[in-house]
């Protein structure tokens, strides 16, 4: 089990803004790598209610189970590397979560046995170094929906925020309130389930 603090800034983009940034940073389609996140929660969205998120990420045939939860600065991420077999069994609901992850989820007051797979989100991602951080362009598809996003991953919150805002300003991109991917996924899922019930 590995834990780290993640500090990142994010902003949703239009397709036009996304392609403008690709051109500005000389990013072509061959630089995008695909990754799929598989999201878990309870039927009553208990993990989401705790402003936390649980996912398995599949990237380059590597599988990592991650729990993200609020921290004083950024997010506390707890990672557990899985074999392909372990990931497959978890996704099929055939095996329990690793004990270290169960322990973390229980600290949120959630019954682990109620946690199950909700769906997946696939992202095409390109990364470029920028100032003291990493600039990330993401094109995500999920639940018959797509979105475009700019992320900036940094070590220092204050200087990172300044550089990010300057970048948006330079490209005339308005600051948009942007939930993280799992929140966007669950908000849409919630909406679709609501529409389905009517």
N, C-alpha and C. Protein backbone atom coordinates (compact mmCIF):
# COMPACT_ATOMS: atom_id res chain seq x y z
N UNK A 1 0.84 -1.19 0.00
CA UNK A 1 0.00 0.00 0.00
C UNK A 1 0.88 1.24 0.00
N UNK A 2 0.52 2.20 -0.85
CA UNK A 2 1.29 3.44 -0.95
C UNK A 2 0.33 4.61 -0.80
N UNK A 3 0.78 5.67 -0.09
CA UNK A 3 -0.07 6.85 0.07
C UNK A 3 0.68 8.10 -0.38
N UNK A 4 -0.04 9.03 -0.99
CA UNK A 4 0.57 10.29 -1.41
C UNK A 4 -0.49 11.38 -1.46
N UNK A 5 -0.01 12.64 -1.38
CA UNK A 5 -0.91 13.79 -1.51
C UNK A 5 -0.85 14.27 -2.95
N UNK A 6 -2.03 14.45 -3.54
CA UNK A 6 -2.11 14.92 -4.93
C UNK A 6 -2.59 16.38 -4.93
N UNK A 7 -1.81 17.25 -5.60
CA UNK A 7 -2.24 18.65 -5.76
C UNK A 7 -2.37 18.90 -7.25
N UNK A 8 -3.60 19.18 -7.70
CA UNK A 8 -3.78 19.45 -9.11
C UNK A 8 -4.90 20.47 -9.32
N UNK A 9 -4.80 21.18 -10.43
CA UNK A 9 -5.82 22.14 -10.83
C UNK A 9 -6.42 21.63 -12.12
N UNK A 10 -7.73 21.85 -12.29
CA UNK A 10 -8.37 21.32 -13.48
C UNK A 10 -9.40 22.28 -14.02
N UNK A 11 -9.63 22.16 -15.32
CA UNK A 11 -10.60 23.04 -15.97
C UNK A 11 -11.17 22.31 -17.19
N UNK A 12 -12.50 22.27 -17.27
CA UNK A 12 -13.13 21.67 -18.45
C UNK A 12 -12.88 22.59 -19.65
N UNK A 13 -12.74 21.98 -20.81
CA UNK A 13 -12.47 22.71 -22.04
C UNK A 13 -13.54 22.40 -23.08
N UNK A 14 -13.68 23.30 -24.04
CA UNK A 14 -14.46 22.96 -25.22
C UNK A 14 -13.54 22.17 -26.14
N UNK A 15 -14.10 21.51 -27.14
CA UNK A 15 -13.29 20.78 -28.11
C UNK A 15 -12.31 21.73 -28.81
N UNK A 16 -12.77 22.94 -29.13
CA UNK A 16 -11.92 23.94 -29.80
C UNK A 16 -10.73 24.33 -28.92
N UNK A 17 -11.00 24.60 -27.62
CA UNK A 17 -9.91 24.98 -26.68
C UNK A 17 -8.91 23.84 -26.54
N UNK A 18 -9.42 22.62 -26.48
CA UNK A 18 -8.58 21.42 -26.34
C UNK A 18 -7.61 21.34 -27.52
N UNK A 19 -8.14 21.51 -28.73
CA UNK A 19 -7.28 21.40 -29.92
C UNK A 19 -6.32 22.59 -30.05
N UNK A 20 -6.75 23.74 -29.54
CA UNK A 20 -5.87 24.93 -29.53
C UNK A 20 -4.65 24.66 -28.62
N UNK A 21 -4.89 24.04 -27.46
CA UNK A 21 -3.78 23.72 -26.54
C UNK A 21 -2.89 22.61 -27.13
N UNK A 22 -3.51 21.65 -27.82
CA UNK A 22 -2.70 20.62 -28.50
C UNK A 22 -1.72 21.27 -29.47
N UNK A 23 -2.22 22.23 -30.25
CA UNK A 23 -1.35 22.92 -31.22
C UNK A 23 -0.27 23.74 -30.51
N UNK A 24 -0.67 24.47 -29.48
CA UNK A 24 0.28 25.35 -28.77
C UNK A 24 1.42 24.57 -28.13
N UNK A 25 1.12 23.37 -27.63
CA UNK A 25 2.15 22.56 -26.95
C UNK A 25 2.70 21.45 -27.85
N UNK A 26 2.40 21.55 -29.15
CA UNK A 26 2.92 20.60 -30.16
C UNK A 26 2.62 19.15 -29.79
N UNK A 27 1.37 18.90 -29.43
CA UNK A 27 0.94 17.54 -29.07
C UNK A 27 0.17 16.97 -30.25
N UNK A 28 0.61 15.79 -30.73
CA UNK A 28 -0.18 15.16 -31.80
C UNK A 28 -0.86 13.90 -31.25
N UNK A 29 -1.72 13.32 -32.05
CA UNK A 29 -2.53 12.18 -31.60
C UNK A 29 -1.70 10.99 -31.12
N UNK A 30 -0.49 10.84 -31.67
CA UNK A 30 0.34 9.69 -31.29
C UNK A 30 0.82 9.79 -29.84
N UNK A 31 0.75 11.00 -29.24
CA UNK A 31 1.22 11.18 -27.86
C UNK A 31 0.16 10.83 -26.81
N UNK A 32 -1.06 10.59 -27.28
CA UNK A 32 -2.13 10.25 -26.34
C UNK A 32 -2.08 8.77 -25.99
N UNK A 33 -2.17 8.48 -24.69
CA UNK A 33 -2.22 7.10 -24.20
C UNK A 33 -3.60 6.87 -23.60
N UNK A 34 -4.09 5.65 -23.77
CA UNK A 34 -5.45 5.35 -23.28
C UNK A 34 -5.40 4.67 -21.92
N UNK A 35 -6.31 5.07 -21.05
CA UNK A 35 -6.45 4.41 -19.75
C UNK A 35 -7.93 4.32 -19.42
N UNK A 36 -8.29 3.27 -18.69
CA UNK A 36 -9.69 3.10 -18.30
C UNK A 36 -9.79 3.04 -16.79
N UNK A 37 -10.70 3.84 -16.24
CA UNK A 37 -11.00 3.81 -14.80
C UNK A 37 -12.31 3.07 -14.59
N UNK A 38 -12.31 2.16 -13.63
CA UNK A 38 -13.53 1.44 -13.24
C UNK A 38 -13.93 1.94 -11.87
N UNK A 39 -15.14 2.49 -11.75
CA UNK A 39 -15.55 3.16 -10.52
C UNK A 39 -16.46 2.30 -9.65
N UNK A 40 -16.23 2.41 -8.34
CA UNK A 40 -16.99 1.65 -7.35
C UNK A 40 -17.70 2.60 -6.39
N UNK A 41 -18.85 2.18 -5.89
CA UNK A 41 -19.54 2.88 -4.81
C UNK A 41 -20.64 1.96 -4.29
N UNK A 42 -21.38 2.42 -3.31
CA UNK A 42 -22.55 1.67 -2.84
C UNK A 42 -23.77 2.17 -3.62
N UNK A 43 -24.87 1.46 -3.54
CA UNK A 43 -26.10 1.88 -4.25
C UNK A 43 -26.57 3.25 -3.80
N UNK A 44 -26.23 3.63 -2.56
CA UNK A 44 -26.66 4.93 -2.04
C UNK A 44 -25.53 5.99 -2.11
N UNK A 45 -24.51 5.69 -2.93
CA UNK A 45 -23.41 6.63 -3.18
C UNK A 45 -22.70 7.07 -1.89
N UNK A 46 -22.46 6.15 -0.97
CA UNK A 46 -21.82 6.49 0.31
C UNK A 46 -20.39 7.02 0.16
N UNK A 47 -19.65 6.45 -0.80
CA UNK A 47 -18.26 6.92 -0.99
C UNK A 47 -18.29 8.35 -1.52
N UNK A 48 -19.13 8.58 -2.51
CA UNK A 48 -19.28 9.94 -3.09
C UNK A 48 -19.72 10.93 -2.02
N UNK A 49 -20.65 10.51 -1.15
CA UNK A 49 -21.15 11.39 -0.08
C UNK A 49 -20.02 11.83 0.86
N UNK A 50 -18.99 11.00 0.97
CA UNK A 50 -17.82 11.31 1.81
C UNK A 50 -16.77 12.11 1.04
N UNK A 51 -17.15 12.60 -0.15
CA UNK A 51 -16.23 13.33 -1.03
C UNK A 51 -14.98 12.50 -1.34
N UNK A 52 -15.18 11.18 -1.39
CA UNK A 52 -14.08 10.26 -1.69
C UNK A 52 -14.39 9.53 -3.00
N UNK A 53 -13.44 8.75 -3.47
CA UNK A 53 -13.62 8.02 -4.73
C UNK A 53 -12.80 6.74 -4.70
N UNK A 54 -13.35 5.68 -5.27
CA UNK A 54 -12.66 4.39 -5.33
C UNK A 54 -12.68 3.91 -6.78
N UNK A 55 -11.48 3.59 -7.30
CA UNK A 55 -11.42 3.16 -8.70
C UNK A 55 -10.30 2.14 -8.90
N UNK A 56 -10.44 1.37 -9.98
CA UNK A 56 -9.32 0.59 -10.51
C UNK A 56 -8.94 1.25 -11.82
N UNK A 57 -7.66 1.58 -11.99
CA UNK A 57 -7.19 2.15 -13.25
C UNK A 57 -6.40 1.09 -14.01
N UNK A 58 -6.76 0.90 -15.27
CA UNK A 58 -6.02 -0.01 -16.15
C UNK A 58 -5.26 0.84 -17.16
N UNK A 59 -3.94 0.73 -17.13
CA UNK A 59 -3.08 1.52 -18.02
C UNK A 59 -1.86 0.68 -18.36
N UNK A 60 -1.60 0.49 -19.65
CA UNK A 60 -0.46 -0.34 -20.10
C UNK A 60 -0.45 -1.72 -19.45
N UNK A 61 -1.61 -2.34 -19.34
CA UNK A 61 -1.75 -3.66 -18.72
C UNK A 61 -1.34 -3.69 -17.24
N UNK A 62 -1.31 -2.51 -16.61
CA UNK A 62 -1.07 -2.44 -15.16
C UNK A 62 -2.38 -2.05 -14.50
N UNK A 63 -2.65 -2.60 -13.33
CA UNK A 63 -3.91 -2.35 -12.62
C UNK A 63 -3.61 -1.80 -11.24
N UNK A 64 -4.18 -0.63 -10.93
CA UNK A 64 -3.98 -0.02 -9.61
C UNK A 64 -5.33 0.35 -9.02
N UNK A 65 -5.57 -0.12 -7.80
CA UNK A 65 -6.77 0.24 -7.05
C UNK A 65 -6.44 1.47 -6.23
N UNK A 66 -7.25 2.53 -6.35
CA UNK A 66 -6.95 3.79 -5.65
C UNK A 66 -8.18 4.30 -4.92
N UNK A 67 -7.96 4.69 -3.67
CA UNK A 67 -8.99 5.40 -2.90
C UNK A 67 -8.50 6.83 -2.75
N UNK A 68 -9.33 7.80 -3.21
CA UNK A 68 -9.00 9.21 -3.03
C UNK A 68 -9.91 9.75 -1.95
N UNK A 69 -9.35 10.47 -0.98
CA UNK A 69 -10.18 11.08 0.05
C UNK A 69 -9.65 12.47 0.40
N UNK A 70 -10.52 13.35 0.87
CA UNK A 70 -10.09 14.73 1.15
C UNK A 70 -8.95 14.78 2.16
N UNK A 71 -8.05 15.76 1.94
CA UNK A 71 -6.93 15.99 2.86
C UNK A 71 -6.86 17.50 3.11
N UNK A 72 -6.04 17.91 4.08
CA UNK A 72 -5.93 19.36 4.38
C UNK A 72 -5.52 20.13 3.13
N UNK A 73 -4.56 19.58 2.38
CA UNK A 73 -4.14 20.16 1.10
C UNK A 73 -4.28 19.07 0.06
N UNK A 74 -5.05 19.32 -0.99
CA UNK A 74 -5.20 18.33 -2.06
C UNK A 74 -6.00 17.10 -1.61
N UNK A 75 -5.61 15.96 -2.15
CA UNK A 75 -6.29 14.70 -1.85
C UNK A 75 -5.30 13.67 -1.34
N UNK A 76 -5.74 12.86 -0.39
CA UNK A 76 -4.93 11.72 0.05
C UNK A 76 -5.30 10.56 -0.85
N UNK A 77 -4.28 10.00 -1.51
CA UNK A 77 -4.50 8.85 -2.39
C UNK A 77 -3.86 7.62 -1.76
N UNK A 78 -4.63 6.55 -1.66
CA UNK A 78 -4.12 5.26 -1.19
C UNK A 78 -4.13 4.32 -2.38
N UNK A 79 -2.96 3.77 -2.73
CA UNK A 79 -2.83 2.92 -3.91
C UNK A 79 -2.51 1.48 -3.52
N UNK A 80 -3.07 0.55 -4.27
CA UNK A 80 -2.78 -0.88 -4.11
C UNK A 80 -2.62 -1.46 -5.52
N UNK A 81 -1.42 -1.95 -5.83
CA UNK A 81 -1.19 -2.55 -7.15
C UNK A 81 -1.82 -3.93 -7.19
N UNK A 82 -2.51 -4.23 -8.31
CA UNK A 82 -3.19 -5.51 -8.46
C UNK A 82 -2.64 -6.27 -9.67
N UNK A 83 -2.73 -7.59 -9.62
CA UNK A 83 -2.44 -8.37 -10.82
C UNK A 83 -3.68 -8.29 -11.71
N UNK A 84 -3.55 -8.70 -12.95
CA UNK A 84 -4.69 -8.70 -13.87
C UNK A 84 -5.80 -9.60 -13.32
N UNK A 85 -5.39 -10.75 -12.76
CA UNK A 85 -6.37 -11.71 -12.21
C UNK A 85 -7.11 -11.10 -11.02
N UNK A 86 -6.37 -10.44 -10.13
CA UNK A 86 -7.01 -9.79 -8.96
C UNK A 86 -7.99 -8.72 -9.41
N UNK A 87 -7.58 -7.91 -10.39
CA UNK A 87 -8.45 -6.84 -10.89
C UNK A 87 -9.71 -7.43 -11.53
N UNK A 88 -9.53 -8.47 -12.34
CA UNK A 88 -10.68 -9.10 -13.01
C UNK A 88 -11.67 -9.65 -12.00
N UNK A 89 -11.15 -10.31 -10.95
CA UNK A 89 -12.03 -10.88 -9.92
C UNK A 89 -12.79 -9.78 -9.17
N UNK A 90 -12.10 -8.67 -8.88
CA UNK A 90 -12.75 -7.53 -8.21
C UNK A 90 -13.85 -6.93 -9.09
N UNK A 91 -13.54 -6.76 -10.38
CA UNK A 91 -14.50 -6.16 -11.31
C UNK A 91 -15.73 -7.05 -11.49
N UNK A 92 -15.52 -8.36 -11.38
CA UNK A 92 -16.65 -9.29 -11.52
C UNK A 92 -17.39 -9.49 -10.20
N UNK A 93 -16.85 -8.89 -9.11
CA UNK A 93 -17.47 -9.05 -7.79
C UNK A 93 -17.22 -10.42 -7.19
N UNK A 94 -16.15 -11.08 -7.64
CA UNK A 94 -15.85 -12.44 -7.18
C UNK A 94 -14.89 -12.49 -5.99
N UNK A 95 -14.29 -11.34 -5.66
CA UNK A 95 -13.38 -11.34 -4.50
C UNK A 95 -13.51 -10.02 -3.75
N UNK A 96 -13.18 -10.04 -2.45
CA UNK A 96 -13.28 -8.80 -1.65
C UNK A 96 -12.12 -7.86 -1.96
N UNK A 97 -12.26 -6.63 -1.51
CA UNK A 97 -11.17 -5.65 -1.64
C UNK A 97 -9.99 -6.09 -0.78
N UNK A 98 -8.75 -5.72 -1.16
CA UNK A 98 -7.60 -6.03 -0.30
C UNK A 98 -7.83 -5.46 1.11
N UNK A 99 -7.33 -6.16 2.12
CA UNK A 99 -7.61 -5.78 3.52
C UNK A 99 -7.15 -4.37 3.85
N UNK A 100 -6.02 -3.92 3.28
CA UNK A 100 -5.53 -2.56 3.55
C UNK A 100 -6.54 -1.52 3.04
N UNK A 101 -7.16 -1.80 1.88
CA UNK A 101 -8.13 -0.88 1.31
C UNK A 101 -9.45 -0.93 2.09
N UNK A 102 -9.83 -2.14 2.51
CA UNK A 102 -11.04 -2.28 3.34
C UNK A 102 -10.93 -1.42 4.59
N UNK A 103 -9.75 -1.46 5.20
CA UNK A 103 -9.50 -0.70 6.43
C UNK A 103 -9.70 0.80 6.19
N UNK A 104 -9.14 1.32 5.05
CA UNK A 104 -9.28 2.74 4.72
C UNK A 104 -10.74 3.12 4.50
N UNK A 105 -11.49 2.25 3.82
CA UNK A 105 -12.90 2.53 3.52
C UNK A 105 -13.73 2.52 4.81
N UNK A 106 -13.38 1.61 5.71
CA UNK A 106 -14.10 1.54 6.99
C UNK A 106 -13.91 2.81 7.81
N UNK A 107 -12.76 3.49 7.63
CA UNK A 107 -12.54 4.76 8.36
C UNK A 107 -13.54 5.82 7.92
N UNK A 108 -14.15 5.61 6.74
CA UNK A 108 -15.18 6.55 6.25
C UNK A 108 -16.57 6.17 6.76
N UNK A 109 -16.63 5.05 7.53
CA UNK A 109 -17.91 4.61 8.07
C UNK A 109 -18.78 3.90 7.03
N UNK A 110 -18.13 3.28 6.05
CA UNK A 110 -18.86 2.61 4.96
C UNK A 110 -18.74 1.10 5.10
N UNK A 111 -19.87 0.41 4.90
CA UNK A 111 -19.86 -1.05 4.91
C UNK A 111 -19.27 -1.55 3.60
N UNK A 112 -18.12 -2.20 3.70
CA UNK A 112 -17.37 -2.62 2.52
C UNK A 112 -18.17 -3.58 1.64
N UNK A 113 -18.97 -4.45 2.25
CA UNK A 113 -19.71 -5.45 1.45
C UNK A 113 -20.74 -4.81 0.53
N UNK A 114 -21.09 -3.55 0.78
CA UNK A 114 -22.08 -2.87 -0.07
C UNK A 114 -21.45 -2.18 -1.28
N UNK A 115 -20.12 -2.22 -1.35
CA UNK A 115 -19.41 -1.54 -2.44
C UNK A 115 -19.40 -2.43 -3.68
N UNK A 116 -19.81 -1.87 -4.82
CA UNK A 116 -19.72 -2.65 -6.06
C UNK A 116 -19.42 -1.75 -7.26
N UNK A 117 -19.14 -2.40 -8.39
CA UNK A 117 -18.75 -1.69 -9.62
C UNK A 117 -19.94 -0.93 -10.20
N UNK A 118 -19.68 0.32 -10.61
CA UNK A 118 -20.74 1.15 -11.18
C UNK A 118 -20.58 1.38 -12.68
N UNK A 119 -19.38 1.25 -13.19
CA UNK A 119 -19.16 1.51 -14.62
C UNK A 119 -17.75 1.98 -14.87
N UNK A 120 -17.48 2.34 -16.13
CA UNK A 120 -16.11 2.72 -16.49
C UNK A 120 -16.07 4.02 -17.27
N UNK A 121 -14.88 4.62 -17.27
CA UNK A 121 -14.62 5.86 -17.99
C UNK A 121 -13.27 5.69 -18.69
N UNK A 122 -13.23 5.93 -19.98
CA UNK A 122 -11.98 5.78 -20.73
C UNK A 122 -11.45 7.15 -21.11
N UNK A 123 -10.17 7.34 -20.86
CA UNK A 123 -9.52 8.63 -21.13
C UNK A 123 -8.34 8.45 -22.07
N UNK A 124 -8.28 9.33 -23.07
CA UNK A 124 -7.08 9.47 -23.90
C UNK A 124 -6.32 10.64 -23.31
N UNK A 125 -5.08 10.38 -22.88
CA UNK A 125 -4.33 11.38 -22.10
C UNK A 125 -2.97 11.67 -22.72
N UNK A 126 -2.64 12.98 -22.79
CA UNK A 126 -1.30 13.41 -23.19
C UNK A 126 -0.74 14.30 -22.09
N UNK A 127 0.56 14.14 -21.82
CA UNK A 127 1.21 14.89 -20.73
C UNK A 127 2.43 15.63 -21.26
N UNK A 128 2.61 16.87 -20.80
CA UNK A 128 3.82 17.64 -21.14
C UNK A 128 4.29 18.40 -19.91
N UNK A 129 5.62 18.44 -19.69
CA UNK A 129 6.13 19.25 -18.57
C UNK A 129 5.81 20.72 -18.83
N UNK A 130 5.43 21.43 -17.77
CA UNK A 130 5.14 22.87 -17.91
C UNK A 130 5.53 23.57 -16.62
N UNK A 131 6.48 24.51 -16.72
CA UNK A 131 6.99 25.22 -15.55
C UNK A 131 7.40 24.20 -14.48
N UNK A 132 6.83 24.29 -13.25
CA UNK A 132 7.26 23.35 -12.21
C UNK A 132 6.30 22.18 -12.04
N UNK A 133 5.52 21.89 -13.08
CA UNK A 133 4.54 20.81 -12.93
C UNK A 133 4.36 20.02 -14.22
N UNK A 134 3.23 19.33 -14.28
CA UNK A 134 2.91 18.49 -15.43
C UNK A 134 1.54 18.91 -15.96
N UNK A 135 1.51 19.28 -17.23
CA UNK A 135 0.26 19.67 -17.88
C UNK A 135 -0.34 18.44 -18.55
N UNK A 136 -1.63 18.23 -18.32
CA UNK A 136 -2.29 17.02 -18.81
C UNK A 136 -3.53 17.40 -19.62
N UNK A 137 -3.62 16.85 -20.83
CA UNK A 137 -4.82 17.03 -21.66
C UNK A 137 -5.57 15.71 -21.70
N UNK A 138 -6.83 15.72 -21.30
CA UNK A 138 -7.64 14.51 -21.23
C UNK A 138 -8.90 14.62 -22.10
N UNK A 139 -9.14 13.59 -22.89
CA UNK A 139 -10.41 13.46 -23.62
C UNK A 139 -11.06 12.18 -23.09
N UNK A 140 -12.18 12.34 -22.37
CA UNK A 140 -12.81 11.20 -21.69
C UNK A 140 -14.17 10.87 -22.30
N UNK A 141 -14.46 9.57 -22.33
CA UNK A 141 -15.78 9.10 -22.78
C UNK A 141 -16.36 8.18 -21.71
N UNK A 142 -17.64 8.40 -21.38
CA UNK A 142 -18.32 7.62 -20.35
C UNK A 142 -19.83 7.82 -20.47
N UNK A 143 -20.58 6.75 -20.25
CA UNK A 143 -22.05 6.81 -20.20
C UNK A 143 -22.64 7.56 -21.41
N UNK A 144 -22.13 7.24 -22.62
CA UNK A 144 -22.57 7.89 -23.86
C UNK A 144 -22.36 9.41 -23.86
N UNK A 145 -21.27 9.85 -23.23
CA UNK A 145 -20.96 11.27 -23.07
C UNK A 145 -19.46 11.45 -23.28
N UNK A 146 -19.03 12.63 -23.71
CA UNK A 146 -17.59 12.91 -23.79
C UNK A 146 -17.30 14.28 -23.20
N UNK A 147 -16.09 14.44 -22.66
CA UNK A 147 -15.66 15.78 -22.24
C UNK A 147 -14.16 15.94 -22.43
N UNK A 148 -13.74 17.20 -22.40
CA UNK A 148 -12.34 17.58 -22.60
C UNK A 148 -11.89 18.35 -21.37
N UNK A 149 -10.64 18.09 -20.94
CA UNK A 149 -10.20 18.67 -19.66
C UNK A 149 -8.71 18.97 -19.69
N UNK A 150 -8.36 20.05 -19.00
CA UNK A 150 -6.96 20.39 -18.76
C UNK A 150 -6.69 20.20 -17.28
N UNK A 151 -5.60 19.48 -16.96
CA UNK A 151 -5.18 19.32 -15.56
C UNK A 151 -3.74 19.82 -15.44
N UNK A 152 -3.42 20.32 -14.26
CA UNK A 152 -2.05 20.75 -13.99
C UNK A 152 -1.65 20.18 -12.63
N UNK A 153 -0.72 19.22 -12.66
CA UNK A 153 -0.28 18.54 -11.43
C UNK A 153 0.98 19.21 -10.92
N UNK A 154 0.95 19.60 -9.64
CA UNK A 154 2.06 20.37 -9.06
C UNK A 154 2.44 19.86 -7.67
N UNK A 155 3.60 20.33 -7.20
CA UNK A 155 4.02 20.02 -5.83
C UNK A 155 3.67 21.17 -4.87
N UNK A 156 3.70 22.40 -5.42
CA UNK A 156 3.42 23.57 -4.59
C UNK A 156 2.09 24.19 -5.01
N UNK A 157 1.15 24.25 -4.07
CA UNK A 157 -0.20 24.71 -4.39
C UNK A 157 -0.22 26.17 -4.86
N UNK A 158 0.51 27.03 -4.14
CA UNK A 158 0.45 28.48 -4.41
C UNK A 158 1.03 28.84 -5.78
N UNK A 159 2.27 28.38 -6.06
CA UNK A 159 2.88 28.73 -7.35
C UNK A 159 2.18 27.99 -8.49
N UNK A 160 1.68 26.78 -8.21
CA UNK A 160 0.97 26.00 -9.22
C UNK A 160 -0.31 26.69 -9.66
N UNK A 161 -1.05 27.22 -8.68
CA UNK A 161 -2.31 27.90 -8.98
C UNK A 161 -2.05 29.15 -9.84
N UNK A 162 -1.01 29.88 -9.49
CA UNK A 162 -0.66 31.10 -10.22
C UNK A 162 -0.33 30.76 -11.68
N UNK A 163 0.50 29.73 -11.89
CA UNK A 163 0.89 29.33 -13.25
C UNK A 163 -0.31 28.84 -14.05
N UNK A 164 -1.21 28.12 -13.39
CA UNK A 164 -2.40 27.58 -14.06
C UNK A 164 -3.33 28.71 -14.51
N UNK A 165 -3.58 29.66 -13.62
CA UNK A 165 -4.46 30.78 -13.95
C UNK A 165 -3.87 31.65 -15.06
N UNK A 166 -2.54 31.83 -15.03
CA UNK A 166 -1.87 32.60 -16.08
C UNK A 166 -2.01 31.90 -17.44
N UNK A 167 -1.92 30.57 -17.41
CA UNK A 167 -2.05 29.79 -18.65
C UNK A 167 -3.46 29.92 -19.23
N UNK A 168 -4.47 29.79 -18.39
CA UNK A 168 -5.86 29.94 -18.86
C UNK A 168 -6.07 31.33 -19.44
N UNK A 169 -5.55 32.33 -18.74
CA UNK A 169 -5.69 33.71 -19.17
C UNK A 169 -5.02 33.94 -20.52
N UNK A 170 -3.82 33.39 -20.67
CA UNK A 170 -3.05 33.54 -21.91
C UNK A 170 -3.82 33.01 -23.12
N UNK A 171 -4.52 31.88 -22.92
CA UNK A 171 -5.26 31.26 -24.03
C UNK A 171 -6.75 31.66 -24.05
N UNK A 172 -7.10 32.66 -23.22
CA UNK A 172 -8.48 33.17 -23.17
C UNK A 172 -9.49 32.05 -22.89
N UNK A 173 -9.11 31.18 -21.95
CA UNK A 173 -10.01 30.09 -21.55
C UNK A 173 -10.66 30.47 -20.23
N UNK A 174 -12.00 30.55 -20.18
CA UNK A 174 -12.64 30.93 -18.92
C UNK A 174 -12.45 29.85 -17.85
N UNK A 175 -12.31 30.31 -16.61
CA UNK A 175 -12.21 29.38 -15.47
C UNK A 175 -13.60 28.76 -15.27
N UNK A 176 -13.67 27.42 -15.30
CA UNK A 176 -14.94 26.73 -15.12
C UNK A 176 -14.85 25.84 -13.90
N UNK A 177 -15.89 25.86 -13.09
CA UNK A 177 -15.92 24.96 -11.94
C UNK A 177 -15.90 23.54 -12.48
N UNK A 178 -14.90 22.76 -12.08
CA UNK A 178 -14.69 21.44 -12.67
C UNK A 178 -14.58 20.38 -11.59
N UNK A 179 -15.55 19.49 -11.55
CA UNK A 179 -15.46 18.33 -10.66
C UNK A 179 -14.43 17.36 -11.23
N UNK A 180 -13.92 16.47 -10.35
CA UNK A 180 -13.01 15.46 -10.88
C UNK A 180 -13.80 14.43 -11.68
N UNK A 181 -13.09 13.57 -12.40
CA UNK A 181 -13.74 12.63 -13.33
C UNK A 181 -14.76 11.75 -12.64
N UNK A 182 -14.40 11.23 -11.47
CA UNK A 182 -15.32 10.31 -10.81
C UNK A 182 -16.60 11.04 -10.39
N UNK A 183 -16.48 12.31 -9.98
CA UNK A 183 -17.68 13.07 -9.62
C UNK A 183 -18.54 13.32 -10.86
N UNK A 184 -17.88 13.64 -11.98
CA UNK A 184 -18.62 13.86 -13.23
C UNK A 184 -19.33 12.57 -13.65
N UNK A 185 -18.60 11.46 -13.53
CA UNK A 185 -19.19 10.16 -13.87
C UNK A 185 -20.42 9.88 -13.01
N UNK A 186 -20.27 10.03 -11.69
CA UNK A 186 -21.38 9.70 -10.78
C UNK A 186 -22.53 10.69 -10.88
N UNK A 187 -22.23 11.97 -11.12
CA UNK A 187 -23.31 12.95 -11.29
C UNK A 187 -24.17 12.58 -12.50
N UNK A 188 -23.50 12.18 -13.60
CA UNK A 188 -24.25 11.78 -14.80
C UNK A 188 -24.99 10.47 -14.56
N UNK A 189 -24.34 9.53 -13.88
CA UNK A 189 -24.98 8.24 -13.57
C UNK A 189 -26.23 8.48 -12.71
N UNK A 190 -26.09 9.32 -11.71
CA UNK A 190 -27.18 9.68 -10.80
C UNK A 190 -28.35 10.26 -11.58
N UNK A 191 -28.00 11.19 -12.50
CA UNK A 191 -29.01 11.85 -13.33
C UNK A 191 -29.72 10.82 -14.22
N UNK A 192 -28.93 9.93 -14.84
CA UNK A 192 -29.51 8.91 -15.72
C UNK A 192 -30.40 7.94 -14.94
N UNK A 193 -29.97 7.59 -13.72
CA UNK A 193 -30.78 6.69 -12.90
C UNK A 193 -32.08 7.36 -12.51
N UNK A 194 -32.01 8.69 -12.20
CA UNK A 194 -33.19 9.46 -11.86
C UNK A 194 -34.18 9.53 -13.01
N UNK A 195 -33.62 9.78 -14.21
CA UNK A 195 -34.48 9.85 -15.41
C UNK A 195 -35.12 8.48 -15.68
N UNK A 196 -34.35 7.43 -15.37
CA UNK A 196 -34.82 6.06 -15.61
C UNK A 196 -35.98 5.72 -14.68
N UNK A 197 -35.95 6.31 -13.47
CA UNK A 197 -37.00 6.02 -12.47
C UNK A 197 -38.32 6.73 -12.79
N UNK A 198 -38.22 7.83 -13.55
CA UNK A 198 -39.44 8.63 -13.80
C UNK A 198 -40.41 7.92 -14.74
